[in-house]
């Protein structure tokens, strides 16, 4: 993942199936290094998104834009993460089509939402490619 100054990222920590108490607290620190060579994933901005009624409940529909300057191949993942009190409580994922997405191109996506009561969402997309 490539982040510029002031940008944010969403990730996860896998505890290998350990049973943790509900009172557990975590102190995590993320670090990084300057990019050396080509990235494995290319992040793409969400150009447009709307929440609409779908066949099985609400869904997000929208468009991703490939502004990387290189072709992005798939699968092109689009994820919507629900936040409550600053904590990610659920993530729904789908894929953008068509792919590959040429430099400067766009692709459409739809994500079924399984948490209708979510107060706040963040949506992001990435695929594979080289600069």
C-alpha atoms as a PDB file:
ATOM      1  CA  UNK A   1       0.000   0.000   0.000  1.00  0.00           C
ATOM      2  CA  UNK A   2       1.348   3.423  -0.909  1.00  0.00           C
ATOM      3  CA  UNK A   3       0.372   6.349   1.303  1.00  0.00           C
ATOM      4  CA  UNK A   4       1.286   9.974   0.857  1.00  0.00           C
ATOM      5  CA  UNK A   5       1.475  12.544   3.650  1.00  0.00           C
ATOM      6  CA  UNK A   6      -1.906  12.952   5.370  1.00  0.00           C
ATOM      7  CA  UNK A   7      -3.471   9.876   3.701  1.00  0.00           C
ATOM      8  CA  UNK A   8      -5.173   7.012   5.531  1.00  0.00           C
ATOM      9  CA  UNK A   9      -5.227   3.243   5.110  1.00  0.00           C
ATOM     10  CA  UNK A  10      -7.463   0.472   6.408  1.00  0.00           C
ATOM     11  CA  UNK A  11      -5.987  -2.863   7.402  1.00  0.00           C
ATOM     12  CA  UNK A  12      -6.413  -5.721   9.815  1.00  0.00           C
ATOM     13  CA  UNK A  13      -4.428  -7.705  12.359  1.00  0.00           C
ATOM     14  CA  UNK A  14      -4.873 -11.483  12.365  1.00  0.00           C
ATOM     15  CA  UNK A  15      -4.520 -13.157  15.758  1.00  0.00           C
ATOM     16  CA  UNK A  16      -4.459 -16.727  14.448  1.00  0.00           C
ATOM     17  CA  UNK A  17      -7.706 -17.843  16.052  1.00  0.00           C
ATOM     18  CA  UNK A  18      -6.611 -16.851  19.577  1.00  0.00           C
ATOM     19  CA  UNK A  19      -9.475 -16.349  22.026  1.00  0.00           C
ATOM     20  CA  UNK A  20      -9.192 -12.834  23.358  1.00  0.00           C
ATOM     21  CA  UNK A  21     -11.294 -11.370  26.141  1.00  0.00           C
ATOM     22  CA  UNK A  22     -13.729  -8.574  25.325  1.00  0.00           C
ATOM     23  CA  UNK A  23     -11.716  -6.333  27.663  1.00  0.00           C
ATOM     24  CA  UNK A  24      -8.499  -6.811  25.661  1.00  0.00           C
ATOM     25  CA  UNK A  25      -6.730  -3.644  24.619  1.00  0.00           C
ATOM     26  CA  UNK A  26      -4.215  -3.260  21.813  1.00  0.00           C
ATOM     27  CA  UNK A  27      -1.407  -0.823  21.198  1.00  0.00           C
ATOM     28  CA  UNK A  28      -0.429  -1.114  17.529  1.00  0.00           C
ATOM     29  CA  UNK A  29       2.049   0.983  15.598  1.00  0.00           C
ATOM     30  CA  UNK A  30       2.267   0.952  11.812  1.00  0.00           C
ATOM     31  CA  UNK A  31       5.568   1.709  10.122  1.00  0.00           C
ATOM     32  CA  UNK A  32       6.704   1.895   6.541  1.00  0.00           C
ATOM     33  CA  UNK A  33       9.575   2.417   4.174  1.00  0.00           C
ATOM     34  CA  UNK A  34       9.915   4.487   1.028  1.00  0.00           C
ATOM     35  CA  UNK A  35       8.769   2.635  -2.097  1.00  0.00           C
ATOM     36  CA  UNK A  36      11.614   0.630  -3.642  1.00  0.00           C
ATOM     37  CA  UNK A  37      10.609  -0.532  -7.124  1.00  0.00           C
ATOM     38  CA  UNK A  38       7.098  -1.176  -8.391  1.00  0.00           C
ATOM     39  CA  UNK A  39       4.148  -1.634  -6.026  1.00  0.00           C
ATOM     40  CA  UNK A  40       2.281  -4.929  -5.941  1.00  0.00           C
ATOM     41  CA  UNK A  41      -1.112  -3.288  -5.432  1.00  0.00           C
ATOM     42  CA  UNK A  42      -2.259  -0.102  -7.099  1.00  0.00           C
ATOM     43  CA  UNK A  43      -4.827   1.895  -5.142  1.00  0.00           C
ATOM     44  CA  UNK A  44      -7.579   3.624  -7.109  1.00  0.00           C
ATOM     45  CA  UNK A  45      -9.835   6.456  -5.978  1.00  0.00           C
ATOM     46  CA  UNK A  46     -13.590   6.085  -5.802  1.00  0.00           C
ATOM     47  CA  UNK A  47     -14.834   8.618  -8.387  1.00  0.00           C
ATOM     48  CA  UNK A  48     -18.513   8.233  -7.524  1.00  0.00           C
ATOM     49  CA  UNK A  49     -20.607   6.230  -5.056  1.00  0.00           C
ATOM     50  CA  UNK A  50     -24.296   6.111  -4.202  1.00  0.00           C
ATOM     51  CA  UNK A  51     -26.271   4.056  -1.695  1.00  0.00           C
ATOM     52  CA  UNK A  52     -29.273   2.469  -3.437  1.00  0.00           C
ATOM     53  CA  UNK A  53     -31.860  -0.210  -2.772  1.00  0.00           C
ATOM     54  CA  UNK A  54     -30.763  -3.540  -4.243  1.00  0.00           C
ATOM     55  CA  UNK A  55     -32.388  -6.956  -4.663  1.00  0.00           C
ATOM     56  CA  UNK A  56     -31.250  -8.117  -1.195  1.00  0.00           C
ATOM     57  CA  UNK A  57     -31.168  -4.828   0.708  1.00  0.00           C
ATOM     58  CA  UNK A  58     -29.109  -1.684   0.271  1.00  0.00           C
ATOM     59  CA  UNK A  59     -25.923  -1.581  -1.754  1.00  0.00           C
ATOM     60  CA  UNK A  60     -23.232   0.855  -2.765  1.00  0.00           C
ATOM     61  CA  UNK A  61     -22.869   1.380  -6.505  1.00  0.00           C
ATOM     62  CA  UNK A  62     -20.148   3.489  -8.034  1.00  0.00           C
ATOM     63  CA  UNK A  63     -17.142   3.997 -10.232  1.00  0.00           C
ATOM     64  CA  UNK A  64     -13.399   3.602  -9.597  1.00  0.00           C
ATOM     65  CA  UNK A  65     -10.868   5.589 -11.626  1.00  0.00           C
ATOM     66  CA  UNK A  66      -7.426   4.347 -12.555  1.00  0.00           C
ATOM     67  CA  UNK A  67      -5.286   7.453 -12.153  1.00  0.00           C
ATOM     68  CA  UNK A  68      -2.040   5.495 -11.697  1.00  0.00           C
ATOM     69  CA  UNK A  69      -0.662   5.929 -15.215  1.00  0.00           C
ATOM     70  CA  UNK A  70      -0.447   2.124 -15.642  1.00  0.00           C
ATOM     71  CA  UNK A  71      -2.903  -0.654 -16.485  1.00  0.00           C
ATOM     72  CA  UNK A  72      -4.520  -2.238 -13.423  1.00  0.00           C
ATOM     73  CA  UNK A  73      -5.441  -5.915 -13.662  1.00  0.00           C
ATOM     74  CA  UNK A  74      -7.820  -7.900 -11.551  1.00  0.00           C
ATOM     75  CA  UNK A  75      -9.363  -8.874  -9.564  1.00  0.00           C
ATOM     76  CA  UNK A  76     -10.005  -5.202  -8.814  1.00  0.00           C
ATOM     77  CA  UNK A  77     -11.252  -5.283  -5.228  1.00  0.00           C
ATOM     78  CA  UNK A  78     -13.636  -2.695  -3.774  1.00  0.00           C
ATOM     79  CA  UNK A  79     -14.263  -2.791  -0.016  1.00  0.00           C
ATOM     80  CA  UNK A  80     -16.672  -0.867   2.192  1.00  0.00           C
ATOM     81  CA  UNK A  81     -15.784  -0.838   5.896  1.00  0.00           C
ATOM     82  CA  UNK A  82     -18.255   0.167   8.609  1.00  0.00           C
ATOM     83  CA  UNK A  83     -16.958   2.280  11.506  1.00  0.00           C
ATOM     84  CA  UNK A  84     -18.581   2.627  14.901  1.00  0.00           C
ATOM     85  CA  UNK A  85     -16.839   4.746  17.538  1.00  0.00           C
ATOM     86  CA  UNK A  86     -13.666   4.731  15.410  1.00  0.00           C
ATOM     87  CA  UNK A  87     -13.535   0.923  15.166  1.00  0.00           C
ATOM     88  CA  UNK A  88     -14.097  -1.171  12.043  1.00  0.00           C
ATOM     89  CA  UNK A  89     -16.984  -3.508  12.866  1.00  0.00           C
ATOM     90  CA  UNK A  90     -17.648  -5.022   9.430  1.00  0.00           C
ATOM     91  CA  UNK A  91     -16.325  -5.030   5.882  1.00  0.00           C
ATOM     92  CA  UNK A  92     -18.202  -5.935   2.709  1.00  0.00           C
ATOM     93  CA  UNK A  93     -16.232  -6.568  -0.482  1.00  0.00           C
ATOM     94  CA  UNK A  94     -16.963  -6.877  -4.181  1.00  0.00           C
ATOM     95  CA  UNK A  95     -15.137  -6.380  -7.484  1.00  0.00           C
ATOM     96  CA  UNK A  96     -15.082  -3.698 -10.184  1.00  0.00           C
ATOM     97  CA  UNK A  97     -15.721  -4.574 -13.819  1.00  0.00           C
ATOM     98  CA  UNK A  98     -14.637  -4.571 -16.541  1.00  0.00           C
ATOM     99  CA  UNK A  99     -10.987  -5.294 -15.943  1.00  0.00           C
ATOM    100  CA  UNK A 100      -8.202  -4.789 -16.727  1.00  0.00           C
ATOM    101  CA  UNK A 101      -8.643  -1.048 -16.287  1.00  0.00           C
ATOM    102  CA  UNK A 102      -6.393   0.958 -18.614  1.00  0.00           C
ATOM    103  CA  UNK A 103      -4.530   4.030 -17.387  1.00  0.00           C
ATOM    104  CA  UNK A 104      -7.103   6.814 -17.121  1.00  0.00           C
ATOM    105  CA  UNK A 105      -9.978   4.310 -17.400  1.00  0.00           C
ATOM    106  CA  UNK A 106     -12.888   3.563 -15.113  1.00  0.00           C
ATOM    107  CA  UNK A 107     -14.824   0.525 -13.922  1.00  0.00           C
ATOM    108  CA  UNK A 108     -18.165   0.072 -12.153  1.00  0.00           C
ATOM    109  CA  UNK A 109     -18.859  -1.739  -8.881  1.00  0.00           C
ATOM    110  CA  UNK A 110     -21.707  -2.692  -6.582  1.00  0.00           C
ATOM    111  CA  UNK A 111     -21.350  -3.911  -2.989  1.00  0.00           C
ATOM    112  CA  UNK A 112     -24.215  -5.478  -1.042  1.00  0.00           C
ATOM    113  CA  UNK A 113     -24.445  -3.917   2.432  1.00  0.00           C
ATOM    114  CA  UNK A 114     -25.098  -6.364   5.243  1.00  0.00           C
ATOM    115  CA  UNK A 115     -25.015  -3.798   8.077  1.00  0.00           C
ATOM    116  CA  UNK A 116     -27.943  -1.452   7.394  1.00  0.00           C
ATOM    117  CA  UNK A 117     -27.511   0.405  10.703  1.00  0.00           C
ATOM    118  CA  UNK A 118     -23.877   1.388  10.140  1.00  0.00           C
ATOM    119  CA  UNK A 119     -23.302   5.066  11.030  1.00  0.00           C
ATOM    120  CA  UNK A 120     -20.151   5.646   8.936  1.00  0.00           C
ATOM    121  CA  UNK A 121     -18.492   3.973   5.936  1.00  0.00           C
ATOM    122  CA  UNK A 122     -15.144   4.205   4.159  1.00  0.00           C
ATOM    123  CA  UNK A 123     -14.772   2.727   0.660  1.00  0.00           C
ATOM    124  CA  UNK A 124     -11.548   1.921  -1.186  1.00  0.00           C
ATOM    125  CA  UNK A 125     -10.309  -0.003  -4.211  1.00  0.00           C
ATOM    126  CA  UNK A 126      -7.136  -1.606  -5.535  1.00  0.00           C
ATOM    127  CA  UNK A 127      -5.855  -4.019  -8.147  1.00  0.00           C
ATOM    128  CA  UNK A 128      -2.545  -5.336  -9.465  1.00  0.00           C
ATOM    129  CA  UNK A 129      -0.087  -3.537 -11.673  1.00  0.00           C
ATOM    130  CA  UNK A 130       3.288  -1.904 -12.203  1.00  0.00           C
ATOM    131  CA  UNK A 131       4.211   1.723 -12.758  1.00  0.00           C
END
